[in-house]
């Protein structure tokens, strides 16, 4: 890809990889893998790989002219940064609910997740003429956010685990799409199909 005479690399695999790994780790916590019940270890990933790196990938997507990729990567970079802020004690977000009932914090998190569910669904609607990989990715991500939202409003651990399972699936789809972008004729002897859904060139 060129831009004003300069060759531009594809930032897609970087953004997808940052999203996939951070989602994978948090989703494993959501299903209580290894008996882990607190997601605080994900803060480093949320700040730097899922957050900062993905935000940078989004900015680079703007330069390549990919509005969808720029919007998605920048937004989810912001999501991970904001999620890290919620978990970092010095920001006092969770502690501010200490004097309230437990349902107040869960409802607040439910509203937060509901907003991301709606946004992700809107992005899903914008993938129908892209490729099968992106359609599957944003469908599963929408379902992930939906179950996590329900888990907070209903204070239902089973719903959170279902969201975690879909989050793991989403992460592997994101890694698949990222790998397909890395496996070019210049770097590999094989490629991975994404099943283009756009209009065929005549």
C-alpha atoms as a PDB file:
ATOM      1  CA  UNK A   1       0.000   0.000   0.000  1.00  0.00           C
ATOM      2  CA  UNK A   2       1.323   3.460  -0.877  1.00  0.00           C
ATOM      3  CA  UNK A   3       0.501   6.893   0.479  1.00  0.00           C
ATOM      4  CA  UNK A   4       1.846   9.968  -1.314  1.00  0.00           C
ATOM      5  CA  UNK A   5       4.683   7.950  -2.754  1.00  0.00           C
ATOM      6  CA  UNK A   6       5.519   6.184   0.516  1.00  0.00           C
ATOM      7  CA  UNK A   7       4.917   2.504   1.179  1.00  0.00           C
ATOM      8  CA  UNK A   8       2.625   1.953   4.163  1.00  0.00           C
ATOM      9  CA  UNK A   9       2.494  -1.295   6.118  1.00  0.00           C
ATOM     10  CA  UNK A  10      -0.793  -2.942   7.029  1.00  0.00           C
ATOM     11  CA  UNK A  11      -1.634  -2.041  10.658  1.00  0.00           C
ATOM     12  CA  UNK A  12      -4.545  -4.484  10.736  1.00  0.00           C
ATOM     13  CA  UNK A  13      -2.679  -7.547  12.069  1.00  0.00           C
ATOM     14  CA  UNK A  14      -1.144  -5.468  14.864  1.00  0.00           C
ATOM     15  CA  UNK A  15      -4.482  -4.063  15.997  1.00  0.00           C
ATOM     16  CA  UNK A  16      -6.176  -7.446  15.759  1.00  0.00           C
ATOM     17  CA  UNK A  17      -3.392  -9.134  17.718  1.00  0.00           C
ATOM     18  CA  UNK A  18      -3.586  -6.579  20.524  1.00  0.00           C
ATOM     19  CA  UNK A  19      -7.332  -7.013  20.664  1.00  0.00           C
ATOM     20  CA  UNK A  20      -7.168 -10.817  20.506  1.00  0.00           C
ATOM     21  CA  UNK A  21      -4.627 -11.380  23.259  1.00  0.00           C
ATOM     22  CA  UNK A  22      -6.221  -8.971  25.731  1.00  0.00           C
ATOM     23  CA  UNK A  23      -9.672 -10.400  25.028  1.00  0.00           C
ATOM     24  CA  UNK A  24      -8.355 -13.946  25.381  1.00  0.00           C
ATOM     25  CA  UNK A  25      -6.804 -13.340  28.796  1.00  0.00           C
ATOM     26  CA  UNK A  26      -9.822 -11.483  30.205  1.00  0.00           C
ATOM     27  CA  UNK A  27     -12.203 -14.115  28.829  1.00  0.00           C
ATOM     28  CA  UNK A  28     -10.249 -16.886  30.533  1.00  0.00           C
ATOM     29  CA  UNK A  29     -10.713 -14.979  33.788  1.00  0.00           C
ATOM     30  CA  UNK A  30     -14.439 -14.680  33.038  1.00  0.00           C
ATOM     31  CA  UNK A  31     -14.738 -18.470  32.816  1.00  0.00           C
ATOM     32  CA  UNK A  32     -12.664 -18.807  36.024  1.00  0.00           C
ATOM     33  CA  UNK A  33      -9.860 -20.696  34.285  1.00  0.00           C
ATOM     34  CA  UNK A  34      -7.271 -21.804  36.819  1.00  0.00           C
ATOM     35  CA  UNK A  35      -9.555 -20.683  39.614  1.00  0.00           C
ATOM     36  CA  UNK A  36      -8.787 -17.009  38.909  1.00  0.00           C
ATOM     37  CA  UNK A  37     -11.704 -14.797  39.924  1.00  0.00           C
ATOM     38  CA  UNK A  38     -10.148 -11.310  39.798  1.00  0.00           C
ATOM     39  CA  UNK A  39      -9.141  -9.830  36.399  1.00  0.00           C
ATOM     40  CA  UNK A  40      -6.556  -7.365  37.742  1.00  0.00           C
ATOM     41  CA  UNK A  41      -3.627  -9.067  35.972  1.00  0.00           C
ATOM     42  CA  UNK A  42      -5.173  -7.987  32.657  1.00  0.00           C
ATOM     43  CA  UNK A  43      -4.538  -4.315  33.515  1.00  0.00           C
ATOM     44  CA  UNK A  44      -1.065  -4.285  31.951  1.00  0.00           C
ATOM     45  CA  UNK A  45      -2.378  -5.768  28.708  1.00  0.00           C
ATOM     46  CA  UNK A  46      -5.381  -3.436  28.720  1.00  0.00           C
ATOM     47  CA  UNK A  47      -3.162  -0.384  29.131  1.00  0.00           C
ATOM     48  CA  UNK A  48      -0.420  -1.186  26.667  1.00  0.00           C
ATOM     49  CA  UNK A  49      -1.252  -3.946  24.171  1.00  0.00           C
ATOM     50  CA  UNK A  50      -5.030  -3.869  23.918  1.00  0.00           C
ATOM     51  CA  UNK A  51      -5.081  -0.155  24.718  1.00  0.00           C
ATOM     52  CA  UNK A  52      -2.121   1.894  23.506  1.00  0.00           C
ATOM     53  CA  UNK A  53      -0.927  -0.401  20.709  1.00  0.00           C
ATOM     54  CA  UNK A  54      -4.440  -0.880  19.349  1.00  0.00           C
ATOM     55  CA  UNK A  55      -5.063   2.872  19.506  1.00  0.00           C
ATOM     56  CA  UNK A  56      -1.895   3.445  17.485  1.00  0.00           C
ATOM     57  CA  UNK A  57      -3.024   0.836  14.958  1.00  0.00           C
ATOM     58  CA  UNK A  58      -6.277   2.745  14.633  1.00  0.00           C
ATOM     59  CA  UNK A  59      -4.446   5.983  13.921  1.00  0.00           C
ATOM     60  CA  UNK A  60      -2.357   4.246  11.254  1.00  0.00           C
ATOM     61  CA  UNK A  61      -5.542   2.840   9.702  1.00  0.00           C
ATOM     62  CA  UNK A  62      -6.751   6.423   9.221  1.00  0.00           C
ATOM     63  CA  UNK A  63      -3.617   7.102   7.204  1.00  0.00           C
ATOM     64  CA  UNK A  64      -4.254   4.113   4.952  1.00  0.00           C
ATOM     65  CA  UNK A  65      -7.778   5.359   4.306  1.00  0.00           C
ATOM     66  CA  UNK A  66      -9.528   2.500   6.139  1.00  0.00           C
ATOM     67  CA  UNK A  67     -12.256   4.300   8.082  1.00  0.00           C
ATOM     68  CA  UNK A  68     -13.782   1.098   9.472  1.00  0.00           C
ATOM     69  CA  UNK A  69     -10.454  -0.241  10.753  1.00  0.00           C
ATOM     70  CA  UNK A  70      -9.545   3.138  12.197  1.00  0.00           C
ATOM     71  CA  UNK A  71     -12.864   3.461  14.001  1.00  0.00           C
ATOM     72  CA  UNK A  72     -12.787  -0.098  15.336  1.00  0.00           C
ATOM     73  CA  UNK A  73      -9.166  -0.192  16.511  1.00  0.00           C
ATOM     74  CA  UNK A  74      -9.204   3.297  18.004  1.00  0.00           C
ATOM     75  CA  UNK A  75     -12.487   2.644  19.790  1.00  0.00           C
ATOM     76  CA  UNK A  76     -11.487  -0.710  21.258  1.00  0.00           C
ATOM     77  CA  UNK A  77      -8.128   0.745  22.210  1.00  0.00           C
ATOM     78  CA  UNK A  78     -10.153   3.302  24.146  1.00  0.00           C
ATOM     79  CA  UNK A  79     -12.293   0.506  25.581  1.00  0.00           C
ATOM     80  CA  UNK A  80      -9.299  -1.314  27.022  1.00  0.00           C
ATOM     81  CA  UNK A  81      -7.793   1.881  28.402  1.00  0.00           C
ATOM     82  CA  UNK A  82     -11.090   2.784  30.068  1.00  0.00           C
ATOM     83  CA  UNK A  83     -11.477  -0.752  31.418  1.00  0.00           C
ATOM     84  CA  UNK A  84      -8.004  -0.553  32.944  1.00  0.00           C
ATOM     85  CA  UNK A  85      -8.968   2.735  34.629  1.00  0.00           C
ATOM     86  CA  UNK A  86     -11.941   0.990  36.253  1.00  0.00           C
ATOM     87  CA  UNK A  87      -9.659  -1.700  37.703  1.00  0.00           C
ATOM     88  CA  UNK A  88      -6.785   0.532  38.864  1.00  0.00           C
ATOM     89  CA  UNK A  89      -7.405   1.347  42.562  1.00  0.00           C
ATOM     90  CA  UNK A  90      -5.785   4.794  42.421  1.00  0.00           C
ATOM     91  CA  UNK A  91      -8.574   6.004  40.110  1.00  0.00           C
ATOM     92  CA  UNK A  92     -11.106   5.025  42.770  1.00  0.00           C
ATOM     93  CA  UNK A  93     -13.832   3.942  40.361  1.00  0.00           C
ATOM     94  CA  UNK A  94     -14.747   0.717  42.150  1.00  0.00           C
ATOM     95  CA  UNK A  95     -14.077   2.168  45.611  1.00  0.00           C
ATOM     96  CA  UNK A  96     -16.585   4.944  44.907  1.00  0.00           C
ATOM     97  CA  UNK A  97     -19.328   2.311  45.142  1.00  0.00           C
ATOM     98  CA  UNK A  98     -18.101   0.971  48.505  1.00  0.00           C
ATOM     99  CA  UNK A  99     -20.942   2.583  50.470  1.00  0.00           C
ATOM    100  CA  UNK A 100     -23.607   1.494  47.975  1.00  0.00           C
ATOM    101  CA  UNK A 101     -25.219  -1.895  47.603  1.00  0.00           C
ATOM    102  CA  UNK A 102     -23.443  -4.429  45.401  1.00  0.00           C
ATOM    103  CA  UNK A 103     -26.117  -4.068  42.736  1.00  0.00           C
ATOM    104  CA  UNK A 104     -25.190  -0.419  42.147  1.00  0.00           C
ATOM    105  CA  UNK A 105     -21.703  -1.331  40.924  1.00  0.00           C
ATOM    106  CA  UNK A 106     -23.055  -4.175  38.795  1.00  0.00           C
ATOM    107  CA  UNK A 107     -25.703  -1.903  37.269  1.00  0.00           C
ATOM    108  CA  UNK A 108     -23.085   0.749  36.531  1.00  0.00           C
ATOM    109  CA  UNK A 109     -20.886  -1.835  34.821  1.00  0.00           C
ATOM    110  CA  UNK A 110     -23.952  -3.147  32.995  1.00  0.00           C
ATOM    111  CA  UNK A 111     -24.658   0.304  31.572  1.00  0.00           C
ATOM    112  CA  UNK A 112     -20.997   0.612  30.555  1.00  0.00           C
ATOM    113  CA  UNK A 113     -21.082  -2.765  28.795  1.00  0.00           C
ATOM    114  CA  UNK A 114     -24.465  -2.040  27.209  1.00  0.00           C
ATOM    115  CA  UNK A 115     -22.968   0.966  25.446  1.00  0.00           C
ATOM    116  CA  UNK A 116     -20.192  -1.207  24.036  1.00  0.00           C
ATOM    117  CA  UNK A 117     -22.720  -3.850  23.006  1.00  0.00           C
ATOM    118  CA  UNK A 118     -24.660  -1.290  20.967  1.00  0.00           C
ATOM    119  CA  UNK A 119     -21.489   0.125  19.399  1.00  0.00           C
ATOM    120  CA  UNK A 120     -20.195  -3.341  18.502  1.00  0.00           C
ATOM    121  CA  UNK A 121     -23.527  -4.259  16.919  1.00  0.00           C
ATOM    122  CA  UNK A 122     -23.317  -1.125  14.761  1.00  0.00           C
ATOM    123  CA  UNK A 123     -19.858  -2.176  13.597  1.00  0.00           C
ATOM    124  CA  UNK A 124     -21.204  -5.664  12.912  1.00  0.00           C
ATOM    125  CA  UNK A 125     -23.797  -4.121  10.565  1.00  0.00           C
ATOM    126  CA  UNK A 126     -20.950  -2.418   8.692  1.00  0.00           C
ATOM    127  CA  UNK A 127     -19.130  -5.716   7.966  1.00  0.00           C
ATOM    128  CA  UNK A 128     -21.654  -7.396   5.675  1.00  0.00           C
ATOM    129  CA  UNK A 129     -19.777  -6.533   2.485  1.00  0.00           C
ATOM    130  CA  UNK A 130     -16.273  -7.001   3.878  1.00  0.00           C
ATOM    131  CA  UNK A 131     -15.319 -10.632   4.475  1.00  0.00           C
ATOM    132  CA  UNK A 132     -16.456 -13.655   6.423  1.00  0.00           C
ATOM    133  CA  UNK A 133     -13.693 -13.280   8.991  1.00  0.00           C
ATOM    134  CA  UNK A 134     -14.793  -9.808  10.059  1.00  0.00           C
ATOM    135  CA  UNK A 135     -18.485 -10.760  10.048  1.00  0.00           C
ATOM    136  CA  UNK A 136     -17.780 -13.708  12.352  1.00  0.00           C
ATOM    137  CA  UNK A 137     -15.505 -11.590  14.553  1.00  0.00           C
ATOM    138  CA  UNK A 138     -17.996  -8.781  15.168  1.00  0.00           C
ATOM    139  CA  UNK A 139     -20.931 -11.158  15.509  1.00  0.00           C
ATOM    140  CA  UNK A 140     -19.173 -13.111  18.250  1.00  0.00           C
ATOM    141  CA  UNK A 141     -17.944  -9.911  19.890  1.00  0.00           C
ATOM    142  CA  UNK A 142     -21.498  -8.536  19.946  1.00  0.00           C
ATOM    143  CA  UNK A 143     -22.703 -11.752  21.580  1.00  0.00           C
ATOM    144  CA  UNK A 144     -19.812 -11.562  24.064  1.00  0.00           C
ATOM    145  CA  UNK A 145     -20.720  -8.035  25.155  1.00  0.00           C
ATOM    146  CA  UNK A 146     -24.415  -8.975  25.270  1.00  0.00           C
ATOM    147  CA  UNK A 147     -23.884 -11.818  27.737  1.00  0.00           C
ATOM    148  CA  UNK A 148     -21.457  -9.790  29.840  1.00  0.00           C
ATOM    149  CA  UNK A 149     -24.022  -6.985  29.989  1.00  0.00           C
ATOM    150  CA  UNK A 150     -26.762  -9.380  31.068  1.00  0.00           C
ATOM    151  CA  UNK A 151     -24.433 -10.907  33.662  1.00  0.00           C
ATOM    152  CA  UNK A 152     -24.029  -7.519  35.354  1.00  0.00           C
ATOM    153  CA  UNK A 153     -27.667  -6.446  35.279  1.00  0.00           C
ATOM    154  CA  UNK A 154     -28.844  -9.881  36.450  1.00  0.00           C
ATOM    155  CA  UNK A 155     -25.824 -10.480  38.713  1.00  0.00           C
ATOM    156  CA  UNK A 156     -25.582 -13.898  37.096  1.00  0.00           C
ATOM    157  CA  UNK A 157     -22.199 -15.636  37.082  1.00  0.00           C
ATOM    158  CA  UNK A 158     -23.379 -18.179  34.499  1.00  0.00           C
ATOM    159  CA  UNK A 159     -24.037 -15.412  31.977  1.00  0.00           C
ATOM    160  CA  UNK A 160     -20.526 -14.078  32.601  1.00  0.00           C
ATOM    161  CA  UNK A 161     -19.066 -17.501  31.881  1.00  0.00           C
ATOM    162  CA  UNK A 162     -21.043 -17.730  28.634  1.00  0.00           C
ATOM    163  CA  UNK A 163     -19.700 -14.295  27.712  1.00  0.00           C
ATOM    164  CA  UNK A 164     -16.231 -15.569  28.541  1.00  0.00           C
ATOM    165  CA  UNK A 165     -16.647 -18.556  26.223  1.00  0.00           C
ATOM    166  CA  UNK A 166     -17.752 -16.306  23.366  1.00  0.00           C
ATOM    167  CA  UNK A 167     -14.861 -13.971  24.206  1.00  0.00           C
ATOM    168  CA  UNK A 168     -12.394 -16.835  23.767  1.00  0.00           C
ATOM    169  CA  UNK A 169     -13.989 -17.714  20.420  1.00  0.00           C
ATOM    170  CA  UNK A 170     -13.803 -14.051  19.411  1.00  0.00           C
ATOM    171  CA  UNK A 171     -10.105 -13.914  20.314  1.00  0.00           C
ATOM    172  CA  UNK A 172      -9.277 -16.926  18.131  1.00  0.00           C
ATOM    173  CA  UNK A 173     -11.219 -15.461  15.206  1.00  0.00           C
ATOM    174  CA  UNK A 174      -9.284 -12.189  15.636  1.00  0.00           C
ATOM    175  CA  UNK A 175      -5.997 -14.119  15.636  1.00  0.00           C
ATOM    176  CA  UNK A 176      -7.097 -15.955  12.488  1.00  0.00           C
ATOM    177  CA  UNK A 177      -7.884 -12.688  10.688  1.00  0.00           C
ATOM    178  CA  UNK A 178      -4.593 -11.207  11.920  1.00  0.00           C
ATOM    179  CA  UNK A 179      -2.640 -14.208  10.660  1.00  0.00           C
ATOM    180  CA  UNK A 180      -4.358 -13.998   7.288  1.00  0.00           C
ATOM    181  CA  UNK A 181      -2.997 -10.461   7.009  1.00  0.00           C
ATOM    182  CA  UNK A 182       0.512 -11.603   7.901  1.00  0.00           C
ATOM    183  CA  UNK A 183       0.589 -14.544   5.503  1.00  0.00           C
ATOM    184  CA  UNK A 184       1.309 -12.690   2.277  1.00  0.00           C
ATOM    185  CA  UNK A 185       3.049 -14.092  -0.812  1.00  0.00           C
ATOM    186  CA  UNK A 186       6.170 -12.229   0.354  1.00  0.00           C
ATOM    187  CA  UNK A 187       6.244 -13.885   3.780  1.00  0.00           C
ATOM    188  CA  UNK A 188       4.637 -17.313   3.529  1.00  0.00           C
ATOM    189  CA  UNK A 189       4.054 -20.302   1.260  1.00  0.00           C
ATOM    190  CA  UNK A 190       0.340 -20.413   2.025  1.00  0.00           C
ATOM    191  CA  UNK A 191      -2.483 -18.035   2.902  1.00  0.00           C
ATOM    192  CA  UNK A 192      -5.677 -18.186   4.961  1.00  0.00           C
ATOM    193  CA  UNK A 193      -9.004 -17.423   3.249  1.00  0.00           C
ATOM    194  CA  UNK A 194     -11.216 -14.642   4.611  1.00  0.00           C
ATOM    195  CA  UNK A 195     -14.081 -15.259   2.187  1.00  0.00           C
ATOM    196  CA  UNK A 196     -14.599 -11.890   0.542  1.00  0.00           C
ATOM    197  CA  UNK A 197     -18.235 -10.733   0.612  1.00  0.00           C
ATOM    198  CA  UNK A 198     -17.784  -7.565  -1.431  1.00  0.00           C
ATOM    199  CA  UNK A 199     -18.888  -6.855  -4.966  1.00  0.00           C
ATOM    200  CA  UNK A 200     -16.967  -8.887  -7.512  1.00  0.00           C
ATOM    201  CA  UNK A 201     -14.912  -6.940 -10.020  1.00  0.00           C
ATOM    202  CA  UNK A 202     -16.193  -7.382 -13.589  1.00  0.00           C
END
